[in-house]
Amino acid sequence: MEYVEQRNGGYYVAGTRVSLDSVVYAFRRGESAQEIAENFQALTVGQIEGAIAFYLANREMVDEYLRQSEIEYDRLYEEARAADPAFYAKLDAAREAALSRRT
């Protein structure tokens, strides 16, 4: 049984819209398959275990894929900030105000 499929330029738990990234990052944080299943109710423990097995068998490739995804995310984030600095200044100010209210 295939637990992971590649589509639309990414990796997903087969037959779902849950990205492999989500499962791998949770696994790296030390979450068990059961804990991951509690957070991703669309997945069974078996699907999660299969996705983790895929990751462990293809660790170098998946880690590189995740690294490239992070680089692309950072690039797009910086482009968006540069395209609308006023919006992001407001967003940053609102975030700071919300944080200061918590303390």
PDB file of N, CA and C in Angstrom:
ATOM      1  N   MET A   1       0.844  -1.190   0.000  1.00  0.00           N
ATOM      2  CA  MET A   1       0.000   0.000   0.000  1.00  0.00           C
ATOM      3  C   MET A   1       0.887   1.250   0.000  1.00  0.00           C
ATOM      4  N   GLU A   2       0.531   2.189  -0.836  1.00  0.00           N
ATOM      5  CA  GLU A   2       1.251   3.452  -0.900  1.00  0.00           C
ATOM      6  C   GLU A   2       0.657   4.419   0.123  1.00  0.00           C
ATOM      7  N   TYR A   3       1.500   4.979   0.972  1.00  0.00           N
ATOM      8  CA  TYR A   3       1.021   5.901   1.995  1.00  0.00           C
ATOM      9  C   TYR A   3       1.257   7.363   1.639  1.00  0.00           C
ATOM     10  N   VAL A   4       2.132   7.596   0.658  1.00  0.00           N
ATOM     11  CA  VAL A   4       2.459   8.967   0.271  1.00  0.00           C
ATOM     12  C   VAL A   4       2.373   9.069  -1.241  1.00  0.00           C
ATOM     13  N   GLU A   5       1.830  10.182  -1.706  1.00  0.00           N
ATOM     14  CA  GLU A   5       1.769  10.431  -3.145  1.00  0.00           C
ATOM     15  C   GLU A   5       2.264  11.845  -3.423  1.00  0.00           C
ATOM     16  N   GLN A   6       2.820  12.004  -4.605  1.00  0.00           N
ATOM     17  CA  GLN A   6       3.298  13.317  -5.023  1.00  0.00           C
ATOM     18  C   GLN A   6       2.294  13.878  -6.013  1.00  0.00           C
ATOM     19  N   ARG A   7       1.847  15.110  -5.745  1.00  0.00           N
ATOM     20  CA  ARG A   7       0.941  15.788  -6.670  1.00  0.00           C
ATOM     21  C   ARG A   7       1.048  17.291  -6.447  1.00  0.00           C
ATOM     22  N   ASN A   8       0.769  18.040  -7.494  1.00  0.00           N
ATOM     23  CA  ASN A   8       0.796  19.507  -7.439  1.00  0.00           C
ATOM     24  C   ASN A   8       2.090  20.045  -6.853  1.00  0.00           C
ATOM     25  N   GLY A   9       3.190  19.365  -7.124  1.00  0.00           N
ATOM     26  CA  GLY A   9       4.491  19.831  -6.662  1.00  0.00           C
ATOM     27  C   GLY A   9       4.796  19.542  -5.209  1.00  0.00           C
ATOM     28  N   GLY A  10       3.941  18.778  -4.537  1.00  0.00           N
ATOM     29  CA  GLY A  10       4.177  18.473  -3.129  1.00  0.00           C
ATOM     30  C   GLY A  10       3.918  17.018  -2.829  1.00  0.00           C
ATOM     31  N   TYR A  11       4.166  16.653  -1.589  1.00  0.00           N
ATOM     32  CA  TYR A  11       3.924  15.290  -1.121  1.00  0.00           C
ATOM     33  C   TYR A  11       2.764  15.312  -0.136  1.00  0.00           C
ATOM     34  N   TYR A  12       1.872  14.321  -0.269  1.00  0.00           N
ATOM     35  CA  TYR A  12       0.668  14.252   0.555  1.00  0.00           C
ATOM     36  C   TYR A  12       0.472  12.831   1.058  1.00  0.00           C
ATOM     37  N   VAL A  13      -0.189  12.708   2.199  1.00  0.00           N
ATOM     38  CA  VAL A  13      -0.611  11.391   2.647  1.00  0.00           C
ATOM     39  C   VAL A  13      -1.623  10.922   1.601  1.00  0.00           C
ATOM     40  N   ALA A  14      -1.405   9.745   1.070  1.00  0.00           N
ATOM     41  CA  ALA A  14      -2.189   9.235  -0.066  1.00  0.00           C
ATOM     42  C   ALA A  14      -3.693   9.322   0.194  1.00  0.00           C
ATOM     43  N   GLY A  15      -4.401   9.865  -0.796  1.00  0.00           N
ATOM     44  CA  GLY A  15      -5.848   9.954  -0.737  1.00  0.00           C
ATOM     45  C   GLY A  15      -6.394  11.038   0.161  1.00  0.00           C
ATOM     46  N   THR A  16      -5.509  11.932   0.641  1.00  0.00           N
ATOM     47  CA  THR A  16      -5.954  13.001   1.536  1.00  0.00           C
ATOM     48  C   THR A  16      -5.395  14.334   1.055  1.00  0.00           C
ATOM     49  N   ARG A  17      -5.821  15.392   1.725  1.00  0.00           N
ATOM     50  CA  ARG A  17      -5.268  16.725   1.455  1.00  0.00           C
ATOM     51  C   ARG A  17      -4.233  17.104   2.503  1.00  0.00           C
ATOM     52  N   VAL A  18      -3.838  16.163   3.342  1.00  0.00           N
ATOM     53  CA  VAL A  18      -2.860  16.430   4.398  1.00  0.00           C
ATOM     54  C   VAL A  18      -1.465  16.270   3.818  1.00  0.00           C
ATOM     55  N   SER A  19      -0.655  17.318   3.969  1.00  0.00           N
ATOM     56  CA  SER A  19       0.696  17.279   3.416  1.00  0.00           C
ATOM     57  C   SER A  19       1.605  16.385   4.254  1.00  0.00           C
ATOM     58  N   LEU A  20       2.546  15.768   3.580  1.00  0.00           N
ATOM     59  CA  LEU A  20       3.567  15.000   4.278  1.00  0.00           C
ATOM     60  C   LEU A  20       4.329  15.911   5.231  1.00  0.00           C
ATOM     61  N   ASP A  21       4.517  17.166   4.818  1.00  0.00           N
ATOM     62  CA  ASP A  21       5.222  18.143   5.651  1.00  0.00           C
ATOM     63  C   ASP A  21       4.625  18.182   7.057  1.00  0.00           C
ATOM     64  N   SER A  22       3.294  18.248   7.130  1.00  0.00           N
ATOM     65  CA  SER A  22       2.603  18.353   8.417  1.00  0.00           C
ATOM     66  C   SER A  22       2.928  17.175   9.318  1.00  0.00           C
ATOM     67  N   VAL A  23       2.909  15.987   8.754  1.00  0.00           N
ATOM     68  CA  VAL A  23       3.187  14.788   9.529  1.00  0.00           C
ATOM     69  C   VAL A  23       4.657  14.769   9.952  1.00  0.00           C
ATOM     70  N   VAL A  24       5.554  15.094   9.041  1.00  0.00           N
ATOM     71  CA  VAL A  24       6.983  15.053   9.338  1.00  0.00           C
ATOM     72  C   VAL A  24       7.338  16.078  10.412  1.00  0.00           C
ATOM     73  N   TYR A  25       6.829  17.301  10.306  1.00  0.00           N
ATOM     74  CA  TYR A  25       7.156  18.304  11.322  1.00  0.00           C
ATOM     75  C   TYR A  25       6.638  17.880  12.687  1.00  0.00           C
ATOM     76  N   ALA A  26       5.459  17.280  12.758  1.00  0.00           N
ATOM     77  CA  ALA A  26       4.926  16.794  14.032  1.00  0.00           C
ATOM     78  C   ALA A  26       5.800  15.657  14.568  1.00  0.00           C
ATOM     79  N   PHE A  27       6.203  14.750  13.693  1.00  0.00           N
ATOM     80  CA  PHE A  27       7.079  13.641  14.086  1.00  0.00           C
ATOM     81  C   PHE A  27       8.409  14.175  14.611  1.00  0.00           C
ATOM     82  N   ARG A  28       8.976  15.169  13.941  1.00  0.00           N
ATOM     83  CA  ARG A  28      10.241  15.761  14.379  1.00  0.00           C
ATOM     84  C   ARG A  28      10.102  16.433  15.750  1.00  0.00           C
ATOM     85  N   ARG A  29       8.899  16.945  16.058  1.00  0.00           N
ATOM     86  CA  ARG A  29       8.663  17.559  17.376  1.00  0.00           C
ATOM     87  C   ARG A  29       8.509  16.513  18.465  1.00  0.00           C
ATOM     88  N   GLY A  30       8.518  15.252  18.061  1.00  0.00           N
ATOM     89  CA  GLY A  30       8.427  14.176  19.034  1.00  0.00           C
ATOM     90  C   GLY A  30       7.029  13.650  19.266  1.00  0.00           C
ATOM     91  N   GLU A  31       6.065  14.082  18.443  1.00  0.00           N
ATOM     92  CA  GLU A  31       4.694  13.592  18.599  1.00  0.00           C
ATOM     93  C   GLU A  31       4.596  12.144  18.113  1.00  0.00           C
ATOM     94  N   SER A  32       3.812  11.354  18.839  1.00  0.00           N
ATOM     95  CA  SER A  32       3.572   9.965  18.434  1.00  0.00           C
ATOM     96  C   SER A  32       2.539   9.946  17.310  1.00  0.00           C
ATOM     97  N   ALA A  33       2.406   8.798  16.670  1.00  0.00           N
ATOM     98  CA  ALA A  33       1.398   8.664  15.610  1.00  0.00           C
ATOM     99  C   ALA A  33       0.008   8.947  16.165  1.00  0.00           C
ATOM    100  N   GLN A  34      -0.255   8.496  17.384  1.00  0.00           N
ATOM    101  CA  GLN A  34      -1.562   8.738  18.014  1.00  0.00           C
ATOM    102  C   GLN A  34      -1.787  10.232  18.242  1.00  0.00           C
ATOM    103  N   GLU A  35      -0.772  10.946  18.707  1.00  0.00           N
ATOM    104  CA  GLU A  35      -0.900  12.397  18.923  1.00  0.00           C
ATOM    105  C   GLU A  35      -1.122  13.125  17.603  1.00  0.00           C
ATOM    106  N   ILE A  36      -0.417  12.700  16.578  1.00  0.00           N
ATOM    107  CA  ILE A  36      -0.594  13.318  15.259  1.00  0.00           C
ATOM    108  C   ILE A  36      -2.016  13.074  14.770  1.00  0.00           C
ATOM    109  N   ALA A  37      -2.530  11.856  14.978  1.00  0.00           N
ATOM    110  CA  ALA A  37      -3.900  11.523  14.556  1.00  0.00           C
ATOM    111  C   ALA A  37      -4.930  12.387  15.268  1.00  0.00           C
ATOM    112  N   GLU A  38      -4.660  12.750  16.508  1.00  0.00           N
ATOM    113  CA  GLU A  38      -5.581  13.620  17.245  1.00  0.00           C
ATOM    114  C   GLU A  38      -5.645  15.014  16.619  1.00  0.00           C
ATOM    115  N   ASN A  39      -4.542  15.449  16.045  1.00  0.00           N
ATOM    116  CA  ASN A  39      -4.493  16.768  15.417  1.00  0.00           C
ATOM    117  C   ASN A  39      -4.928  16.755  13.959  1.00  0.00           C
ATOM    118  N   PHE A  40      -4.867  15.603  13.319  1.00  0.00           N
ATOM    119  CA  PHE A  40      -5.264  15.455  11.917  1.00  0.00           C
ATOM    120  C   PHE A  40      -6.306  14.346  11.847  1.00  0.00           C
ATOM    121  N   GLN A  41      -7.525  14.693  12.150  1.00  0.00           N
ATOM    122  CA  GLN A  41      -8.578  13.689  12.248  1.00  0.00           C
ATOM    123  C   GLN A  41      -8.922  13.027  10.915  1.00  0.00           C
ATOM    124  N   ALA A  42      -8.437  13.589   9.818  1.00  0.00           N
ATOM    125  CA  ALA A  42      -8.657  12.975   8.510  1.00  0.00           C
ATOM    126  C   ALA A  42      -7.751  11.763   8.303  1.00  0.00           C
ATOM    127  N   LEU A  43      -6.788  11.569   9.195  1.00  0.00           N
ATOM    128  CA  LEU A  43      -5.819  10.491   9.041  1.00  0.00           C
ATOM    129  C   LEU A  43      -6.014   9.415  10.096  1.00  0.00           C
ATOM    130  N   THR A  44      -5.739   8.186   9.697  1.00  0.00           N
ATOM    131  CA  THR A  44      -5.717   7.088  10.659  1.00  0.00           C
ATOM    132  C   THR A  44      -4.290   6.947  11.198  1.00  0.00           C
ATOM    133  N   VAL A  45      -4.165   6.260  12.308  1.00  0.00           N
ATOM    134  CA  VAL A  45      -2.836   5.992  12.851  1.00  0.00           C
ATOM    135  C   VAL A  45      -2.015   5.203  11.829  1.00  0.00           C
ATOM    136  N   GLY A  46      -2.646   4.273  11.129  1.00  0.00           N
ATOM    137  CA  GLY A  46      -1.947   3.503  10.098  1.00  0.00           C
ATOM    138  C   GLY A  46      -1.406   4.366   8.973  1.00  0.00           C
ATOM    139  N   GLN A  47      -2.197   5.346   8.521  1.00  0.00           N
ATOM    140  CA  GLN A  47      -1.726   6.264   7.471  1.00  0.00           C
ATOM    141  C   GLN A  47      -0.530   7.074   7.976  1.00  0.00           C
ATOM    142  N   ILE A  48      -0.607   7.499   9.217  1.00  0.00           N
ATOM    143  CA  ILE A  48       0.487   8.294   9.790  1.00  0.00           C
ATOM    144  C   ILE A  48       1.743   7.444   9.925  1.00  0.00           C
ATOM    145  N   GLU A  49       1.588   6.243  10.419  1.00  0.00           N
ATOM    146  CA  GLU A  49       2.744   5.348  10.530  1.00  0.00           C
ATOM    147  C   GLU A  49       3.350   5.072   9.153  1.00  0.00           C
ATOM    148  N   GLY A  50       2.496   4.908   8.134  1.00  0.00           N
ATOM    149  CA  GLY A  50       2.990   4.713   6.779  1.00  0.00           C
ATOM    150  C   GLY A  50       3.741   5.931   6.260  1.00  0.00           C
ATOM    151  N   ALA A  51       3.213   7.123   6.545  1.00  0.00           N
ATOM    152  CA  ALA A  51       3.880   8.355   6.110  1.00  0.00           C
ATOM    153  C   ALA A  51       5.220   8.525   6.819  1.00  0.00           C
ATOM    154  N   ILE A  52       5.266   8.184   8.102  1.00  0.00           N
ATOM    155  CA  ILE A  52       6.528   8.267   8.850  1.00  0.00           C
ATOM    156  C   ILE A  52       7.529   7.249   8.303  1.00  0.00           C
ATOM    157  N   ALA A  53       7.058   6.045   7.982  1.00  0.00           N
ATOM    158  CA  ALA A  53       7.941   5.032   7.397  1.00  0.00           C
ATOM    159  C   ALA A  53       8.498   5.519   6.057  1.00  0.00           C
ATOM    160  N   PHE A  54       7.642   6.157   5.244  1.00  0.00           N
ATOM    161  CA  PHE A  54       8.103   6.727   3.974  1.00  0.00           C
ATOM    162  C   PHE A  54       9.186   7.768   4.237  1.00  0.00           C
ATOM    163  N   TYR A  55       8.930   8.640   5.208  1.00  0.00           N
ATOM    164  CA  TYR A  55       9.920   9.676   5.548  1.00  0.00           C
ATOM    165  C   TYR A  55      11.248   9.038   5.959  1.00  0.00           C
ATOM    166  N   LEU A  56      11.199   8.082   6.856  1.00  0.00           N
ATOM    167  CA  LEU A  56      12.434   7.463   7.350  1.00  0.00           C
ATOM    168  C   LEU A  56      13.182   6.726   6.240  1.00  0.00           C
ATOM    169  N   ALA A  57      12.460   6.129   5.305  1.00  0.00           N
ATOM    170  CA  ALA A  57      13.096   5.415   4.194  1.00  0.00           C
ATOM    171  C   ALA A  57      13.662   6.369   3.141  1.00  0.00           C
ATOM    172  N   ASN A  58      13.148   7.600   3.115  1.00  0.00           N
ATOM    173  CA  ASN A  58      13.545   8.593   2.103  1.00  0.00           C
ATOM    174  C   ASN A  58      13.976   9.897   2.769  1.00  0.00           C
ATOM    175  N   ARG A  59      14.593   9.784   3.917  1.00  0.00           N
ATOM    176  CA  ARG A  59      14.872  10.949   4.756  1.00  0.00           C
ATOM    177  C   ARG A  59      15.666  12.038   4.036  1.00  0.00           C
ATOM    178  N   GLU A  60      16.713  11.676   3.363  1.00  0.00           N
ATOM    179  CA  GLU A  60      17.551  12.669   2.692  1.00  0.00           C
ATOM    180  C   GLU A  60      16.749  13.450   1.656  1.00  0.00           C
ATOM    181  N   MET A  61      15.975  12.745   0.844  1.00  0.00           N
ATOM    182  CA  MET A  61      15.169  13.391  -0.192  1.00  0.00           C
ATOM    183  C   MET A  61      14.089  14.278   0.422  1.00  0.00           C
ATOM    184  N   VAL A  62      13.387  13.775   1.437  1.00  0.00           N
ATOM    185  CA  VAL A  62      12.311  14.557   2.066  1.00  0.00           C
ATOM    186  C   VAL A  62      12.883  15.766   2.796  1.00  0.00           C
ATOM    187  N   ASP A  63      13.996  15.593   3.497  1.00  0.00           N
ATOM    188  CA  ASP A  63      14.607  16.731   4.190  1.00  0.00           C
ATOM    189  C   ASP A  63      15.014  17.823   3.199  1.00  0.00           C
ATOM    190  N   GLU A  64      15.536  17.424   2.053  1.00  0.00           N
ATOM    191  CA  GLU A  64      15.902  18.411   1.023  1.00  0.00           C
ATOM    192  C   GLU A  64      14.652  19.088   0.469  1.00  0.00           C
ATOM    193  N   TYR A  65      13.602  18.320   0.232  1.00  0.00           N
ATOM    194  CA  TYR A  65      12.328  18.891  -0.219  1.00  0.00           C
ATOM    195  C   TYR A  65      11.809  19.913   0.790  1.00  0.00           C
ATOM    196  N   LEU A  66      11.851  19.580   2.067  1.00  0.00           N
ATOM    197  CA  LEU A  66      11.386  20.512   3.107  1.00  0.00           C
ATOM    198  C   LEU A  66      12.258  21.757   3.155  1.00  0.00           C
ATOM    199  N   ARG A  67      13.567  21.575   3.024  1.00  0.00           N
ATOM    200  CA  ARG A  67      14.482  22.720   3.028  1.00  0.00           C
ATOM    201  C   ARG A  67      14.187  23.649   1.850  1.00  0.00           C
ATOM    202  N   GLN A  68      13.968  23.083   0.674  1.00  0.00           N
ATOM    203  CA  GLN A  68      13.649  23.902  -0.498  1.00  0.00           C
ATOM    204  C   GLN A  68      12.299  24.601  -0.329  1.00  0.00           C
ATOM    205  N   SER A  69      11.339  23.928   0.279  1.00  0.00           N
ATOM    206  CA  SER A  69      10.025  24.528   0.537  1.00  0.00           C
ATOM    207  C   SER A  69      10.153  25.726   1.477  1.00  0.00           C
ATOM    208  N   GLU A  70      11.000  25.601   2.495  1.00  0.00           N
ATOM    209  CA  GLU A  70      11.214  26.708   3.435  1.00  0.00           C
ATOM    210  C   GLU A  70      11.879  27.894   2.744  1.00  0.00           C
ATOM    211  N   ILE A  71      12.823  27.613   1.866  1.00  0.00           N
ATOM    212  CA  ILE A  71      13.488  28.677   1.120  1.00  0.00           C
ATOM    213  C   ILE A  71      12.475  29.405   0.241  1.00  0.00           C
ATOM    214  N   GLU A  72      11.632  28.652  -0.445  1.00  0.00           N
ATOM    215  CA  GLU A  72      10.609  29.252  -1.316  1.00  0.00           C
ATOM    216  C   GLU A  72       9.600  30.061  -0.499  1.00  0.00           C
ATOM    217  N   TYR A  73       9.183  29.544   0.654  1.00  0.00           N
ATOM    218  CA  TYR A  73       8.264  30.274   1.528  1.00  0.00           C
ATOM    219  C   TYR A  73       8.887  31.602   1.953  1.00  0.00           C
ATOM    220  N   ASP A  74      10.141  31.571   2.379  1.00  0.00           N
ATOM    221  CA  ASP A  74      10.815  32.800   2.816  1.00  0.00           C
ATOM    222  C   ASP A  74      10.909  33.808   1.673  1.00  0.00           C
ATOM    223  N   ARG A  75      11.207  33.324   0.464  1.00  0.00           N
ATOM    224  CA  ARG A  75      11.309  34.216  -0.695  1.00  0.00           C
ATOM    225  C   ARG A  75       9.960  34.874  -0.978  1.00  0.00           C
ATOM    226  N   LEU A  76       8.899  34.088  -0.980  1.00  0.00           N
ATOM    227  CA  LEU A  76       7.568  34.635  -1.246  1.00  0.00           C
ATOM    228  C   LEU A  76       7.129  35.605  -0.153  1.00  0.00           C
ATOM    229  N   TYR A  77       7.468  35.293   1.091  1.00  0.00           N
ATOM    230  CA  TYR A  77       7.133  36.169   2.206  1.00  0.00           C
ATOM    231  C   TYR A  77       7.832  37.524   2.051  1.00  0.00           C
ATOM    232  N   GLU A  78       9.102  37.495   1.721  1.00  0.00           N
ATOM    233  CA  GLU A  78       9.848  38.747   1.534  1.00  0.00           C
ATOM    234  C   GLU A  78       9.315  39.536   0.342  1.00  0.00           C
ATOM    235  N   GLU A  79       8.944  38.870  -0.727  1.00  0.00           N
ATOM    236  CA  GLU A  79       8.347  39.551  -1.884  1.00  0.00           C
ATOM    237  C   GLU A  79       7.035  40.227  -1.494  1.00  0.00           C
ATOM    238  N   ALA A  80       6.216  39.544  -0.731  1.00  0.00           N
ATOM    239  CA  ALA A  80       4.938  40.107  -0.300  1.00  0.00           C
ATOM    240  C   ALA A  80       5.154  41.324   0.596  1.00  0.00           C
ATOM    241  N   ARG A  81       6.108  41.238   1.514  1.00  0.00           N
ATOM    242  CA  ARG A  81       6.411  42.377   2.396  1.00  0.00           C
ATOM    243  C   ARG A  81       6.895  43.580   1.579  1.00  0.00           C
ATOM    244  N   ALA A  82       7.726  43.307   0.580  1.00  0.00           N
ATOM    245  CA  ALA A  82       8.253  44.389  -0.251  1.00  0.00           C
ATOM    246  C   ALA A  82       7.156  45.001  -1.123  1.00  0.00           C
ATOM    247  N   ALA A  83       6.195  44.193  -1.545  1.00  0.00           N
ATOM    248  CA  ALA A  83       5.127  44.684  -2.417  1.00  0.00           C
ATOM    249  C   ALA A  83       4.112  45.545  -1.676  1.00  0.00           C
ATOM    250  N   ASP A  84       3.943  45.331  -0.370  1.00  0.00           N
ATOM    251  CA  ASP A  84       2.952  46.092   0.405  1.00  0.00           C
ATOM    252  C   ASP A  84       3.472  46.371   1.817  1.00  0.00           C
ATOM    253  N   PRO A  85       4.493  47.222   1.927  1.00  0.00           N
ATOM    254  CA  PRO A  85       5.099  47.467   3.243  1.00  0.00           C
ATOM    255  C   PRO A  85       4.132  48.103   4.243  1.00  0.00           C
ATOM    256  N   ALA A  86       3.206  48.916   3.785  1.00  0.00           N
ATOM    257  CA  ALA A  86       2.263  49.559   4.712  1.00  0.00           C
ATOM    258  C   ALA A  86       1.370  48.514   5.381  1.00  0.00           C
ATOM    259  N   PHE A  87       0.885  47.569   4.609  1.00  0.00           N
ATOM    260  CA  PHE A  87       0.050  46.506   5.172  1.00  0.00           C
ATOM    261  C   PHE A  87       0.820  45.722   6.227  1.00  0.00           C
ATOM    262  N   TYR A  88       2.052  45.344   5.917  1.00  0.00           N
ATOM    263  CA  TYR A  88       2.828  44.545   6.860  1.00  0.00           C
ATOM    264  C   TYR A  88       3.243  45.356   8.079  1.00  0.00           C
ATOM    265  N   ALA A  89       3.421  46.669   7.932  1.00  0.00           N
ATOM    266  CA  ALA A  89       3.701  47.511   9.099  1.00  0.00           C
ATOM    267  C   ALA A  89       2.494  47.503  10.038  1.00  0.00           C
ATOM    268  N   LYS A  90       1.287  47.594   9.466  1.00  0.00           N
ATOM    269  CA  LYS A  90       0.063  47.528  10.287  1.00  0.00           C
ATOM    270  C   LYS A  90      -0.066  46.155  10.950  1.00  0.00           C
ATOM    271  N   LEU A  91       0.215  45.123  10.196  1.00  0.00           N
ATOM    272  CA  LEU A  91       0.137  43.769  10.728  1.00  0.00           C
ATOM    273  C   LEU A  91       1.129  43.576  11.877  1.00  0.00           C
ATOM    274  N   ASP A  92       2.352  44.057  11.701  1.00  0.00           N
ATOM    275  CA  ASP A  92       3.365  43.956  12.753  1.00  0.00           C
ATOM    276  C   ASP A  92       2.939  44.734  13.992  1.00  0.00           C
ATOM    277  N   ALA A  93       2.370  45.927  13.799  1.00  0.00           N
ATOM    278  CA  ALA A  93       1.916  46.736  14.926  1.00  0.00           C
ATOM    279  C   ALA A  93       0.774  46.040  15.671  1.00  0.00           C
ATOM    280  N   ALA A  94      -0.144  45.451  14.938  1.00  0.00           N
ATOM    281  CA  ALA A  94      -1.258  44.739  15.571  1.00  0.00           C
ATOM    282  C   ALA A  94      -0.745  43.526  16.351  1.00  0.00           C
ATOM    283  N   ARG A  95       0.232  42.833  15.800  1.00  0.00           N
ATOM    284  CA  ARG A  95       0.818  41.673  16.483  1.00  0.00           C
ATOM    285  C   ARG A  95       1.493  42.120  17.785  1.00  0.00           C
ATOM    286  N   GLU A  96       2.234  43.200  17.724  1.00  0.00           N
ATOM    287  CA  GLU A  96       2.907  43.719  18.918  1.00  0.00           C
ATOM    288  C   GLU A  96       1.880  44.146  19.983  1.00  0.00           C
ATOM    289  N   ALA A  97       0.810  44.804  19.547  1.00  0.00           N
ATOM    290  CA  ALA A  97      -0.223  45.235  20.485  1.00  0.00           C
ATOM    291  C   ALA A  97      -0.880  44.031  21.150  1.00  0.00           C
ATOM    292  N   ALA A  98      -1.143  42.992  20.380  1.00  0.00           N
ATOM    293  CA  ALA A  98      -1.773  41.789  20.940  1.00  0.00           C
ATOM    294  C   ALA A  98      -0.835  41.113  21.944  1.00  0.00           C
ATOM    295  N   LEU A  99       0.434  41.066  21.640  1.00  0.00           N
ATOM    296  CA  LEU A  99       1.405  40.463  22.549  1.00  0.00           C
ATOM    297  C   LEU A  99       1.533  41.279  23.835  1.00  0.00           C
ATOM    298  N   SER A 100       1.530  42.594  23.714  1.00  0.00           N
ATOM    299  CA  SER A 100       1.675  43.431  24.918  1.00  0.00           C
ATOM    300  C   SER A 100       0.446  43.324  25.822  1.00  0.00           C
ATOM    301  N   ARG A 101      -0.729  43.062  25.248  1.00  0.00           N
ATOM    302  CA  ARG A 101      -1.937  42.892  26.063  1.00  0.00           C
ATOM    303  C   ARG A 101      -1.916  41.594  26.866  1.00  0.00           C
ATOM    304  N   ARG A 102      -1.196  40.599  26.366  1.00  0.00           N
ATOM    305  CA  ARG A 102      -1.110  39.305  27.056  1.00  0.00           C
ATOM    306  C   ARG A 102      -0.246  39.379  28.300  1.00  0.00           C
ATOM    307  N   THR A 103       0.688  40.291  28.304  1.00  0.00           N
ATOM    308  CA  THR A 103       1.618  40.345  29.456  1.00  0.00           C
ATOM    309  C   THR A 103       1.285  41.433  30.421  1.00  0.00           C
TER     310      THR A 103
END
